[in-house]
Amino acid sequence: MKSYAKRYPLAGRRWRQGDGWSVLLLAIVGSVAASAFGACPPTVADGANLVRDGLQLAWRPVIGGSPIAATAIPMARHFAIEVQVCSGATPSGATLAGLDATMPEHRHGMNYRPRIVALGDGRFRAEGMMFHMSGRWQLEFEVQSAKGSSRLFDDVRVR
């Protein structure tokens, strides 16, 4: 039987000069994917739309860099959520300060805390989401703007 290093030659490899092509490719793919999401005001293609306190928020789940339907979020598998925050036809300048999910009927939340990454122009990505049980989950988006803090909620059913 081959050793681990022989079966997986890149597993323990250090960064070397000339490896920048893969980072460049990821940056290009990421910018193309980000440009397809994020127009203000959000449309149905941007995912579920929520409105509160003059803010519009669109969100959509993503697995492996590809958007999926909210009804297709798998149980017990990590996914990300892309968020666009707008004020009318322009990015709002607001910040996605927090994202959490709870199961109201069970009175508990997720076992993981997502990490929020700002993508610019009112776009954010929450990574490390996981719904570990089937049933109704309630997403809570906390948005900080010049007007203060707003909480927007949406329900998702996981099968």
C-alpha atoms as a PDB file:
ATOM      1  CA  MET A   1       0.000   0.000   0.000  1.00  0.00           C
ATOM      2  CA  LYS A   2       1.315   3.452  -0.937  1.00  0.00           C
ATOM      3  CA  SER A   3       2.134   5.963   1.716  1.00  0.00           C
ATOM      4  CA  TYR A   4      -0.143   8.956   2.284  1.00  0.00           C
ATOM      5  CA  ALA A   5       2.407  11.339   0.713  1.00  0.00           C
ATOM      6  CA  LYS A   6       2.602   9.228  -2.448  1.00  0.00           C
ATOM      7  CA  ARG A   7      -1.168   8.934  -2.812  1.00  0.00           C
ATOM      8  CA  TYR A   8      -1.752  12.650  -2.106  1.00  0.00           C
ATOM      9  CA  PRO A   9       1.381  14.449  -3.325  1.00  0.00           C
ATOM     10  CA  LEU A  10      -0.024  17.981  -2.813  1.00  0.00           C
ATOM     11  CA  ALA A  11      -1.367  17.402   0.719  1.00  0.00           C
ATOM     12  CA  GLY A  12       1.685  18.628   2.610  1.00  0.00           C
ATOM     13  CA  ARG A  13       3.055  20.914  -0.091  1.00  0.00           C
ATOM     14  CA  ARG A  14       4.148  24.412   0.810  1.00  0.00           C
ATOM     15  CA  TRP A  15       3.370  27.510  -1.240  1.00  0.00           C
ATOM     16  CA  ARG A  16       5.955  27.990  -3.973  1.00  0.00           C
ATOM     17  CA  GLN A  17       6.684  30.737  -6.445  1.00  0.00           C
ATOM     18  CA  GLY A  18       4.605  30.128  -9.553  1.00  0.00           C
ATOM     19  CA  ASP A  19       1.589  28.861  -7.627  1.00  0.00           C
ATOM     20  CA  GLY A  20      -0.186  32.205  -8.049  1.00  0.00           C
ATOM     21  CA  TRP A  21      -2.153  31.017 -11.090  1.00  0.00           C
ATOM     22  CA  SER A  22      -4.590  29.112  -8.882  1.00  0.00           C
ATOM     23  CA  VAL A  23      -5.206  32.177  -6.685  1.00  0.00           C
ATOM     24  CA  LEU A  24      -5.730  34.293  -9.789  1.00  0.00           C
ATOM     25  CA  LEU A  25      -8.206  31.758 -11.190  1.00  0.00           C
ATOM     26  CA  LEU A  26     -10.152  31.698  -7.909  1.00  0.00           C
ATOM     27  CA  ALA A  27     -10.242  35.511  -7.834  1.00  0.00           C
ATOM     28  CA  ILE A  28     -11.612  35.658 -11.390  1.00  0.00           C
ATOM     29  CA  VAL A  29     -14.255  33.004 -10.719  1.00  0.00           C
ATOM     30  CA  GLY A  30     -15.233  34.720  -7.478  1.00  0.00           C
ATOM     31  CA  SER A  31     -15.576  38.137  -9.089  1.00  0.00           C
ATOM     32  CA  VAL A  32     -17.694  36.737 -11.912  1.00  0.00           C
ATOM     33  CA  ALA A  33     -19.957  34.933  -9.444  1.00  0.00           C
ATOM     34  CA  ALA A  34     -20.182  38.036  -7.254  1.00  0.00           C
ATOM     35  CA  SER A  35     -21.054  40.285 -10.186  1.00  0.00           C
ATOM     36  CA  ALA A  36     -23.983  38.010 -11.066  1.00  0.00           C
ATOM     37  CA  PHE A  37     -25.363  38.619  -7.560  1.00  0.00           C
ATOM     38  CA  GLY A  38     -25.703  42.022  -6.080  1.00  0.00           C
ATOM     39  CA  ALA A  39     -27.679  44.424  -8.216  1.00  0.00           C
ATOM     40  CA  CYS A  40     -29.860  46.871  -6.330  1.00  0.00           C
ATOM     41  CA  PRO A  41     -32.738  46.619  -5.891  1.00  0.00           C
ATOM     42  CA  PRO A  42     -32.605  42.831  -5.454  1.00  0.00           C
ATOM     43  CA  THR A  43     -34.661  40.688  -7.798  1.00  0.00           C
ATOM     44  CA  VAL A  44     -36.174  37.233  -7.440  1.00  0.00           C
ATOM     45  CA  ALA A  45     -33.018  35.859  -9.109  1.00  0.00           C
ATOM     46  CA  ASP A  46     -31.003  37.164  -6.132  1.00  0.00           C
ATOM     47  CA  GLY A  47     -32.911  34.855  -3.787  1.00  0.00           C
ATOM     48  CA  ALA A  48     -35.391  35.504  -1.005  1.00  0.00           C
ATOM     49  CA  ASN A  49     -36.129  39.220  -0.514  1.00  0.00           C
ATOM     50  CA  LEU A  50     -36.802  40.787   2.870  1.00  0.00           C
ATOM     51  CA  VAL A  51     -37.740  44.431   3.572  1.00  0.00           C
ATOM     52  CA  ARG A  52     -37.569  46.352   6.843  1.00  0.00           C
ATOM     53  CA  ASP A  53     -36.717  49.876   8.018  1.00  0.00           C
ATOM     54  CA  GLY A  54     -36.081  51.071   4.453  1.00  0.00           C
ATOM     55  CA  LEU A  55     -33.591  48.269   3.804  1.00  0.00           C
ATOM     56  CA  GLN A  56     -33.932  45.499   1.246  1.00  0.00           C
ATOM     57  CA  LEU A  57     -32.051  42.292   1.870  1.00  0.00           C
ATOM     58  CA  ALA A  58     -31.740  39.407  -0.576  1.00  0.00           C
ATOM     59  CA  TRP A  59     -30.212  36.096   0.468  1.00  0.00           C
ATOM     60  CA  ARG A  60     -29.466  32.811  -1.223  1.00  0.00           C
ATOM     61  CA  PRO A  61     -27.743  29.623  -0.092  1.00  0.00           C
ATOM     62  CA  VAL A  62     -24.588  28.472  -1.866  1.00  0.00           C
ATOM     63  CA  ILE A  63     -22.847  25.099  -1.946  1.00  0.00           C
ATOM     64  CA  GLY A  64     -19.507  24.675  -3.678  1.00  0.00           C
ATOM     65  CA  GLY A  65     -19.700  28.159  -5.194  1.00  0.00           C
ATOM     66  CA  SER A  66     -23.065  27.501  -6.874  1.00  0.00           C
ATOM     67  CA  PRO A  67     -26.366  29.007  -5.700  1.00  0.00           C
ATOM     68  CA  ILE A  68     -29.099  26.560  -4.725  1.00  0.00           C
ATOM     69  CA  ALA A  69     -32.763  27.002  -3.884  1.00  0.00           C
ATOM     70  CA  ALA A  70     -33.596  27.654  -0.233  1.00  0.00           C
ATOM     71  CA  THR A  71     -35.778  24.554  -0.358  1.00  0.00           C
ATOM     72  CA  ALA A  72     -32.724  22.498  -1.404  1.00  0.00           C
ATOM     73  CA  ILE A  73     -30.549  23.236   1.641  1.00  0.00           C
ATOM     74  CA  PRO A  74     -29.336  19.805   2.744  1.00  0.00           C
ATOM     75  CA  MET A  75     -29.430  18.608   6.319  1.00  0.00           C
ATOM     76  CA  ALA A  76     -26.085  18.107   8.112  1.00  0.00           C
ATOM     77  CA  ARG A  77     -23.950  19.632   5.339  1.00  0.00           C
ATOM     78  CA  HIS A  78     -22.059  22.923   5.407  1.00  0.00           C
ATOM     79  CA  PHE A  79     -23.215  25.682   3.117  1.00  0.00           C
ATOM     80  CA  ALA A  80     -22.806  29.438   2.755  1.00  0.00           C
ATOM     81  CA  ILE A  81     -25.328  32.249   2.411  1.00  0.00           C
ATOM     82  CA  GLU A  82     -24.767  35.199   0.076  1.00  0.00           C
ATOM     83  CA  VAL A  83     -26.469  38.419   1.176  1.00  0.00           C
ATOM     84  CA  GLN A  84     -27.114  41.705  -0.660  1.00  0.00           C
ATOM     85  CA  VAL A  85     -28.246  44.726   1.387  1.00  0.00           C
ATOM     86  CA  CYS A  86     -29.778  47.668  -0.505  1.00  0.00           C
ATOM     87  CA  SER A  87     -31.527  50.926   0.194  1.00  0.00           C
ATOM     88  CA  GLY A  88     -33.724  51.473  -2.838  1.00  0.00           C
ATOM     89  CA  ALA A  89     -31.721  51.219  -6.058  1.00  0.00           C
ATOM     90  CA  THR A  90     -28.276  51.537  -4.441  1.00  0.00           C
ATOM     91  CA  PRO A  91     -26.146  49.567  -2.003  1.00  0.00           C
ATOM     92  CA  SER A  92     -27.125  50.798   1.445  1.00  0.00           C
ATOM     93  CA  GLY A  93     -23.729  51.175   3.089  1.00  0.00           C
ATOM     94  CA  ALA A  94     -25.143  48.946   5.830  1.00  0.00           C
ATOM     95  CA  THR A  95     -23.201  46.062   7.330  1.00  0.00           C
ATOM     96  CA  LEU A  96     -24.333  42.517   7.917  1.00  0.00           C
ATOM     97  CA  ALA A  97     -23.344  42.376  11.578  1.00  0.00           C
ATOM     98  CA  GLY A  98     -24.686  38.922  12.318  1.00  0.00           C
ATOM     99  CA  LEU A  99     -26.491  35.894  10.967  1.00  0.00           C
ATOM    100  CA  ASP A 100     -27.977  33.143  13.070  1.00  0.00           C
ATOM    101  CA  ALA A 101     -30.529  30.367  12.651  1.00  0.00           C
ATOM    102  CA  THR A 102     -32.772  28.772  15.243  1.00  0.00           C
ATOM    103  CA  MET A 103     -35.446  26.097  15.377  1.00  0.00           C
ATOM    104  CA  PRO A 104     -38.276  27.865  17.258  1.00  0.00           C
ATOM    105  CA  GLU A 105     -40.214  24.662  17.933  1.00  0.00           C
ATOM    106  CA  HIS A 106     -37.148  23.013  19.485  1.00  0.00           C
ATOM    107  CA  ARG A 107     -35.800  26.158  21.175  1.00  0.00           C
ATOM    108  CA  HIS A 108     -32.227  25.745  19.955  1.00  0.00           C
ATOM    109  CA  GLY A 109     -29.948  27.076  17.266  1.00  0.00           C
ATOM    110  CA  MET A 110     -27.149  25.872  15.059  1.00  0.00           C
ATOM    111  CA  ASN A 111     -24.107  24.043  16.387  1.00  0.00           C
ATOM    112  CA  TYR A 112     -21.871  26.302  14.277  1.00  0.00           C
ATOM    113  CA  ARG A 113     -21.241  30.040  14.233  1.00  0.00           C
ATOM    114  CA  PRO A 114     -20.956  31.403  10.684  1.00  0.00           C
ATOM    115  CA  ARG A 115     -18.117  33.688   9.639  1.00  0.00           C
ATOM    116  CA  ILE A 116     -19.266  36.794   7.744  1.00  0.00           C
ATOM    117  CA  VAL A 117     -17.066  38.115   4.933  1.00  0.00           C
ATOM    118  CA  ALA A 118     -17.708  41.528   3.340  1.00  0.00           C
ATOM    119  CA  LEU A 119     -17.526  41.340  -0.473  1.00  0.00           C
ATOM    120  CA  GLY A 120     -18.086  45.058  -1.175  1.00  0.00           C
ATOM    121  CA  ASP A 121     -21.026  47.040  -2.601  1.00  0.00           C
ATOM    122  CA  GLY A 122     -23.400  45.861   0.122  1.00  0.00           C
ATOM    123  CA  ARG A 123     -22.633  42.178  -0.508  1.00  0.00           C
ATOM    124  CA  PHE A 124     -21.680  39.672   2.177  1.00  0.00           C
ATOM    125  CA  ARG A 125     -21.076  35.947   2.479  1.00  0.00           C
ATOM    126  CA  ALA A 126     -21.744  33.958   5.650  1.00  0.00           C
ATOM    127  CA  GLU A 127     -19.646  30.789   5.598  1.00  0.00           C
ATOM    128  CA  GLY A 128     -19.917  27.737   7.810  1.00  0.00           C
ATOM    129  CA  MET A 129     -23.693  27.409   8.063  1.00  0.00           C
ATOM    130  CA  MET A 130     -25.153  23.982   8.853  1.00  0.00           C
ATOM    131  CA  PHE A 131     -28.657  22.819   9.734  1.00  0.00           C
ATOM    132  CA  HIS A 132     -28.119  19.629  11.714  1.00  0.00           C
ATOM    133  CA  MET A 133     -31.834  18.690  11.941  1.00  0.00           C
ATOM    134  CA  SER A 134     -34.762  18.601   9.558  1.00  0.00           C
ATOM    135  CA  GLY A 135     -37.684  20.919  10.217  1.00  0.00           C
ATOM    136  CA  ARG A 136     -38.378  24.656  10.260  1.00  0.00           C
ATOM    137  CA  TRP A 137     -35.390  26.925  10.745  1.00  0.00           C
ATOM    138  CA  GLN A 138     -35.666  30.679  11.215  1.00  0.00           C
ATOM    139  CA  LEU A 139     -32.846  32.806   9.827  1.00  0.00           C
ATOM    140  CA  GLU A 140     -32.090  36.060  11.652  1.00  0.00           C
ATOM    141  CA  PHE A 141     -30.091  38.709   9.776  1.00  0.00           C
ATOM    142  CA  GLU A 142     -28.719  41.554  11.906  1.00  0.00           C
ATOM    143  CA  VAL A 143     -28.002  44.653   9.809  1.00  0.00           C
ATOM    144  CA  GLN A 144     -26.214  47.759  11.116  1.00  0.00           C
ATOM    145  CA  SER A 145     -26.929  50.990   9.232  1.00  0.00           C
ATOM    146  CA  ALA A 146     -26.816  54.737   9.870  1.00  0.00           C
ATOM    147  CA  LYS A 147     -30.373  54.383  11.246  1.00  0.00           C
ATOM    148  CA  GLY A 148     -29.281  51.783  13.800  1.00  0.00           C
ATOM    149  CA  SER A 149     -29.669  48.037  14.064  1.00  0.00           C
ATOM    150  CA  SER A 150     -32.385  46.095  12.208  1.00  0.00           C
ATOM    151  CA  ARG A 151     -33.263  42.418  12.422  1.00  0.00           C
ATOM    152  CA  LEU A 152     -34.802  40.676   9.439  1.00  0.00           C
ATOM    153  CA  PHE A 153     -36.216  37.140   9.663  1.00  0.00           C
ATOM    154  CA  ASP A 154     -37.023  34.429   7.148  1.00  0.00           C
ATOM    155  CA  ASP A 155     -38.122  30.807   7.528  1.00  0.00           C
ATOM    156  CA  VAL A 156     -36.588  27.802   5.789  1.00  0.00           C
ATOM    157  CA  ARG A 157     -37.836  24.216   5.829  1.00  0.00           C
ATOM    158  CA  VAL A 158     -35.124  21.544   5.751  1.00  0.00           C
ATOM    159  CA  ARG A 159     -36.045  17.985   4.802  1.00  0.00           C
END
